[in-house]
Every structure is written in structure tokens, then in C-alpha cells.
Amino acid sequence: MKTLIVTPKKAYKHFKKVKIEMEQILADKKAHEERKAQPAQLSLVDHMNATGLLSHWHSRKALAEKYGITDYAGTSGQNARLLGILQANGNNRPDTNKQ
């Protein structure tokens, strides 16, 4: 039978590795709990459907141009900006009187 000899240096390396792994597990758990605590975000399409707006691409493109988002391609950044504009509008519907 082989005798296992653990030197203080090996023990310290193992402890350090386990400590780092535990810290990562705890950080992941905390991040997961924070995400669960946040309300779910609606997508632009979900928001438009919920407020009775047509949500197909051509409608989103027309709204984007109306609110100054040029060269609308439906990127996540453009959609987030358009969603912010629609949500900031008092009744969550576009103001059809603005030019």
C-alpha cells in the first residue's frame, strides 16, 4: 500500500483552489438570485402586442423612423431604444400628432 504524503505546500494549493471554487459558486448563486428578483423584461414585440400595436418589422421600422432612429435594422440596441421611447410615452402608444 502506498502512503500518501501531503506537504503543507500541497495542502495550501489545494485549499486555495477549493476556496476560489467556493467563492465562484457563491457569486454565481448571488447573481442568479438577483436575476430572479428582477421583474421580467418584455421585448419590443411583446410590448407592442400588449399595447395593441402592430409588431411586424415594417411597423417597427416606421415607428423607429418616426422617433428619429435612422437606418432601422432591428438590432437589439435599436429595439431597446425604441422600447424605451414607447414606454416613456404616457399611454405606451405612439403619439400620432408628433411629426
N, C-alpha and C. Protein backbone atom coordinates (compact mmCIF):
# COMPACT_ATOMS: atom_id res chain seq x y z
N MET A 1 0.84 -1.17 0.00
CA MET A 1 0.00 0.00 0.00
C MET A 1 0.89 1.24 0.00
N LYS A 2 0.50 2.20 -0.82
CA LYS A 2 1.28 3.43 -0.96
C LYS A 2 0.82 4.45 0.08
N THR A 3 1.77 5.09 0.72
CA THR A 3 1.46 6.10 1.71
C THR A 3 1.36 7.46 1.04
N LEU A 4 0.30 8.16 1.34
CA LEU A 4 0.09 9.49 0.77
C LEU A 4 0.70 10.52 1.71
N ILE A 5 1.60 11.30 1.18
CA ILE A 5 2.24 12.34 1.98
C ILE A 5 1.78 13.68 1.44
N VAL A 6 1.16 14.45 2.30
CA VAL A 6 0.69 15.77 1.91
C VAL A 6 1.57 16.81 2.58
N THR A 7 2.26 17.55 1.75
CA THR A 7 3.12 18.61 2.30
C THR A 7 2.28 19.85 2.56
N PRO A 8 2.74 20.71 3.43
CA PRO A 8 2.00 21.96 3.68
C PRO A 8 1.79 22.77 2.39
N LYS A 9 2.75 22.75 1.50
CA LYS A 9 2.64 23.50 0.25
C LYS A 9 1.50 22.93 -0.61
N LYS A 10 1.43 21.58 -0.71
CA LYS A 10 0.36 20.95 -1.49
C LYS A 10 -1.00 21.21 -0.85
N ALA A 11 -1.04 21.13 0.48
CA ALA A 11 -2.30 21.37 1.19
C ALA A 11 -2.77 22.80 0.96
N TYR A 12 -1.86 23.75 1.00
CA TYR A 12 -2.22 25.16 0.79
C TYR A 12 -2.74 25.37 -0.63
N LYS A 13 -2.07 24.78 -1.62
CA LYS A 13 -2.52 24.92 -3.02
C LYS A 13 -3.93 24.36 -3.18
N HIS A 14 -4.16 23.19 -2.58
CA HIS A 14 -5.49 22.58 -2.68
C HIS A 14 -6.54 23.45 -1.99
N PHE A 15 -6.23 23.94 -0.80
CA PHE A 15 -7.14 24.82 -0.07
C PHE A 15 -7.46 26.07 -0.88
N LYS A 16 -6.44 26.67 -1.47
CA LYS A 16 -6.63 27.89 -2.26
C LYS A 16 -7.55 27.62 -3.46
N LYS A 17 -7.34 26.47 -4.11
CA LYS A 17 -8.16 26.11 -5.27
C LYS A 17 -9.62 25.91 -4.85
N VAL A 18 -9.83 25.19 -3.76
CA VAL A 18 -11.19 24.94 -3.27
C VAL A 18 -11.84 26.25 -2.85
N LYS A 19 -11.09 27.12 -2.22
CA LYS A 19 -11.63 28.42 -1.78
C LYS A 19 -12.08 29.25 -2.99
N ILE A 20 -11.29 29.27 -4.03
CA ILE A 20 -11.64 30.03 -5.24
C ILE A 20 -12.90 29.44 -5.87
N GLU A 21 -12.98 28.11 -5.92
CA GLU A 21 -14.17 27.47 -6.49
C GLU A 21 -15.42 27.78 -5.67
N MET A 22 -15.30 27.76 -4.35
CA MET A 22 -16.44 28.09 -3.49
C MET A 22 -16.87 29.54 -3.66
N GLU A 23 -15.91 30.45 -3.77
CA GLU A 23 -16.25 31.85 -3.98
C GLU A 23 -16.99 32.04 -5.29
N GLN A 24 -16.59 31.32 -6.34
CA GLN A 24 -17.26 31.41 -7.63
C GLN A 24 -18.67 30.86 -7.55
N ILE A 25 -18.83 29.74 -6.85
CA ILE A 25 -20.17 29.15 -6.68
C ILE A 25 -21.08 30.13 -5.95
N LEU A 26 -20.58 30.74 -4.87
CA LEU A 26 -21.39 31.70 -4.12
C LEU A 26 -21.72 32.94 -4.96
N ALA A 27 -20.76 33.42 -5.76
CA ALA A 27 -21.02 34.57 -6.62
C ALA A 27 -22.07 34.23 -7.68
N ASP A 28 -21.98 33.04 -8.26
CA ASP A 28 -22.97 32.61 -9.25
C ASP A 28 -24.36 32.51 -8.62
N LYS A 29 -24.42 31.96 -7.40
CA LYS A 29 -25.69 31.83 -6.71
C LYS A 29 -26.30 33.20 -6.44
N LYS A 30 -25.48 34.15 -5.99
CA LYS A 30 -25.96 35.50 -5.71
C LYS A 30 -26.47 36.16 -6.98
N ALA A 31 -25.72 36.04 -8.09
CA ALA A 31 -26.15 36.62 -9.36
C ALA A 31 -27.46 36.01 -9.82
N HIS A 32 -27.61 34.70 -9.65
CA HIS A 32 -28.85 34.02 -10.04
C HIS A 32 -30.03 34.54 -9.22
N GLU A 33 -29.83 34.70 -7.91
CA GLU A 33 -30.90 35.20 -7.05
C GLU A 33 -31.28 36.63 -7.40
N GLU A 34 -30.29 37.45 -7.76
CA GLU A 34 -30.58 38.83 -8.16
C GLU A 34 -31.36 38.87 -9.46
N ARG A 35 -31.03 38.00 -10.40
CA ARG A 35 -31.77 37.95 -11.67
C ARG A 35 -33.21 37.51 -11.43
N LYS A 36 -33.41 36.54 -10.52
CA LYS A 36 -34.76 36.07 -10.22
C LYS A 36 -35.59 37.17 -9.57
N ALA A 37 -34.95 38.05 -8.80
CA ALA A 37 -35.67 39.09 -8.08
C ALA A 37 -36.11 40.23 -9.00
N GLN A 38 -35.47 40.36 -10.15
CA GLN A 38 -35.82 41.43 -11.08
C GLN A 38 -37.05 41.04 -11.89
N PRO A 39 -37.93 42.03 -12.14
CA PRO A 39 -39.09 41.71 -12.97
C PRO A 39 -38.66 41.37 -14.40
N ALA A 40 -39.41 40.49 -15.02
CA ALA A 40 -39.08 40.09 -16.39
C ALA A 40 -39.24 41.28 -17.33
N GLN A 41 -38.32 41.40 -18.25
CA GLN A 41 -38.36 42.47 -19.24
C GLN A 41 -39.12 41.98 -20.47
N LEU A 42 -40.04 42.81 -20.94
CA LEU A 42 -40.74 42.49 -22.18
C LEU A 42 -39.87 42.89 -23.35
N SER A 43 -39.96 42.13 -24.41
CA SER A 43 -39.28 42.52 -25.63
C SER A 43 -40.10 43.62 -26.30
N LEU A 44 -39.51 44.25 -27.29
CA LEU A 44 -40.21 45.29 -28.04
C LEU A 44 -41.49 44.71 -28.66
N VAL A 45 -41.37 43.53 -29.27
CA VAL A 45 -42.53 42.90 -29.92
C VAL A 45 -43.61 42.58 -28.88
N ASP A 46 -43.21 42.03 -27.74
CA ASP A 46 -44.18 41.73 -26.68
C ASP A 46 -44.89 43.00 -26.23
N HIS A 47 -44.11 44.08 -26.04
CA HIS A 47 -44.69 45.35 -25.60
C HIS A 47 -45.68 45.88 -26.65
N MET A 48 -45.29 45.82 -27.90
CA MET A 48 -46.17 46.33 -28.96
C MET A 48 -47.45 45.50 -29.03
N ASN A 49 -47.34 44.19 -28.92
CA ASN A 49 -48.53 43.34 -28.93
C ASN A 49 -49.42 43.63 -27.74
N ALA A 50 -48.82 43.83 -26.57
CA ALA A 50 -49.59 44.08 -25.36
C ALA A 50 -50.32 45.42 -25.39
N THR A 51 -49.78 46.38 -26.13
CA THR A 51 -50.41 47.70 -26.21
C THR A 51 -51.23 47.87 -27.48
N GLY A 52 -51.42 46.79 -28.22
CA GLY A 52 -52.29 46.84 -29.39
C GLY A 52 -51.65 47.41 -30.65
N LEU A 53 -50.34 47.48 -30.67
CA LEU A 53 -49.65 47.98 -31.87
C LEU A 53 -49.27 46.81 -32.78
N LEU A 54 -49.26 47.05 -34.07
CA LEU A 54 -48.76 46.04 -34.99
C LEU A 54 -47.26 45.91 -34.75
N SER A 55 -46.79 44.67 -34.65
CA SER A 55 -45.40 44.48 -34.26
C SER A 55 -44.51 43.92 -35.37
N HIS A 56 -45.03 43.80 -36.58
CA HIS A 56 -44.18 43.26 -37.63
C HIS A 56 -43.07 44.25 -37.97
N TRP A 57 -42.07 43.77 -38.68
CA TRP A 57 -40.85 44.54 -38.91
C TRP A 57 -41.13 45.89 -39.55
N HIS A 58 -42.00 45.95 -40.52
CA HIS A 58 -42.28 47.21 -41.21
C HIS A 58 -42.90 48.24 -40.26
N SER A 59 -43.73 47.79 -39.33
CA SER A 59 -44.31 48.70 -38.33
C SER A 59 -43.23 49.22 -37.38
N ARG A 60 -42.34 48.32 -36.96
CA ARG A 60 -41.25 48.76 -36.08
C ARG A 60 -40.34 49.73 -36.80
N LYS A 61 -40.08 49.48 -38.09
CA LYS A 61 -39.22 50.37 -38.86
C LYS A 61 -39.86 51.75 -38.99
N ALA A 62 -41.16 51.80 -39.25
CA ALA A 62 -41.86 53.08 -39.37
C ALA A 62 -41.84 53.84 -38.05
N LEU A 63 -42.08 53.15 -36.93
CA LEU A 63 -42.02 53.81 -35.62
C LEU A 63 -40.62 54.31 -35.32
N ALA A 64 -39.63 53.50 -35.65
CA ALA A 64 -38.24 53.90 -35.40
C ALA A 64 -37.91 55.18 -36.17
N GLU A 65 -38.29 55.24 -37.42
CA GLU A 65 -38.03 56.44 -38.22
C GLU A 65 -38.79 57.63 -37.66
N LYS A 66 -40.02 57.41 -37.21
CA LYS A 66 -40.82 58.48 -36.64
C LYS A 66 -40.15 59.09 -35.41
N TYR A 67 -39.47 58.24 -34.63
CA TYR A 67 -38.82 58.70 -33.41
C TYR A 67 -37.33 58.97 -33.58
N GLY A 68 -36.88 59.09 -34.82
CA GLY A 68 -35.51 59.52 -35.08
C GLY A 68 -34.46 58.43 -35.07
N ILE A 69 -34.87 57.19 -35.11
CA ILE A 69 -33.91 56.09 -35.19
C ILE A 69 -33.71 55.79 -36.68
N THR A 70 -32.60 56.23 -37.21
CA THR A 70 -32.36 56.11 -38.65
C THR A 70 -31.77 54.74 -38.99
N ASP A 71 -31.95 54.33 -40.21
CA ASP A 71 -31.42 53.06 -40.73
C ASP A 71 -31.80 51.88 -39.84
N TYR A 72 -33.07 51.80 -39.48
CA TYR A 72 -33.54 50.73 -38.60
C TYR A 72 -33.28 49.37 -39.23
N ALA A 73 -32.58 48.52 -38.49
CA ALA A 73 -32.31 47.16 -38.95
C ALA A 73 -32.82 46.12 -37.98
N GLY A 74 -33.41 46.57 -36.87
CA GLY A 74 -33.94 45.65 -35.88
C GLY A 74 -32.89 45.09 -34.93
N THR A 75 -31.78 45.82 -34.76
CA THR A 75 -30.76 45.35 -33.83
C THR A 75 -31.27 45.46 -32.40
N SER A 76 -30.62 44.76 -31.50
CA SER A 76 -31.06 44.80 -30.10
C SER A 76 -30.96 46.21 -29.53
N GLY A 77 -29.93 46.94 -29.92
CA GLY A 77 -29.78 48.32 -29.45
C GLY A 77 -30.90 49.21 -29.97
N GLN A 78 -31.23 49.09 -31.23
CA GLN A 78 -32.32 49.89 -31.80
C GLN A 78 -33.66 49.51 -31.17
N ASN A 79 -33.87 48.22 -30.97
CA ASN A 79 -35.12 47.78 -30.35
C ASN A 79 -35.23 48.26 -28.91
N ALA A 80 -34.12 48.23 -28.18
CA ALA A 80 -34.13 48.71 -26.79
C ALA A 80 -34.44 50.20 -26.75
N ARG A 81 -33.85 50.95 -27.67
CA ARG A 81 -34.11 52.39 -27.72
C ARG A 81 -35.57 52.67 -28.05
N LEU A 82 -36.10 51.97 -29.04
CA LEU A 82 -37.50 52.15 -29.42
C LEU A 82 -38.43 51.73 -28.28
N LEU A 83 -38.11 50.65 -27.61
CA LEU A 83 -38.92 50.21 -26.47
C LEU A 83 -38.91 51.27 -25.38
N GLY A 84 -37.75 51.85 -25.11
CA GLY A 84 -37.66 52.92 -24.12
C GLY A 84 -38.52 54.12 -24.48
N ILE A 85 -38.52 54.47 -25.75
CA ILE A 85 -39.33 55.60 -26.22
C ILE A 85 -40.82 55.29 -26.03
N LEU A 86 -41.23 54.09 -26.42
CA LEU A 86 -42.64 53.72 -26.29
C LEU A 86 -43.06 53.65 -24.82
N GLN A 87 -42.20 53.12 -23.97
CA GLN A 87 -42.54 53.01 -22.55
C GLN A 87 -42.57 54.39 -21.89
N ALA A 88 -41.74 55.31 -22.36
CA ALA A 88 -41.70 56.65 -21.78
C ALA A 88 -42.93 57.47 -22.16
N ASN A 89 -43.58 57.08 -23.25
CA ASN A 89 -44.78 57.76 -23.69
C ASN A 89 -45.89 57.44 -22.69
N GLY A 90 -46.63 58.44 -22.25
CA GLY A 90 -47.61 58.30 -21.19
C GLY A 90 -48.54 57.12 -21.29
N ASN A 91 -49.15 56.88 -22.42
CA ASN A 91 -50.11 55.78 -22.53
C ASN A 91 -49.49 54.57 -23.25
N ASN A 92 -48.19 54.58 -23.41
CA ASN A 92 -47.44 53.49 -24.05
C ASN A 92 -47.83 53.28 -25.50
N ARG A 93 -48.47 54.26 -26.08
CA ARG A 93 -48.78 54.21 -27.50
C ARG A 93 -48.10 55.40 -28.16
N PRO A 94 -47.68 55.26 -29.40
CA PRO A 94 -47.01 56.39 -30.04
C PRO A 94 -47.94 57.59 -30.19
N ASP A 95 -47.35 58.75 -30.04
CA ASP A 95 -48.11 59.99 -30.21
C ASP A 95 -48.25 60.26 -31.69
N THR A 96 -49.44 60.09 -32.21
CA THR A 96 -49.64 60.21 -33.64
C THR A 96 -49.69 61.68 -34.08
N ASN A 97 -49.70 62.62 -33.12
CA ASN A 97 -49.72 64.03 -33.50
C ASN A 97 -48.34 64.61 -33.73
N LYS A 98 -47.28 63.89 -33.28
CA LYS A 98 -45.92 64.40 -33.47
C LYS A 98 -45.49 64.19 -34.91
N GLN A 99 -44.68 65.10 -35.36
CA GLN A 99 -44.14 64.96 -36.72
C GLN A 99 -42.66 64.64 -36.66
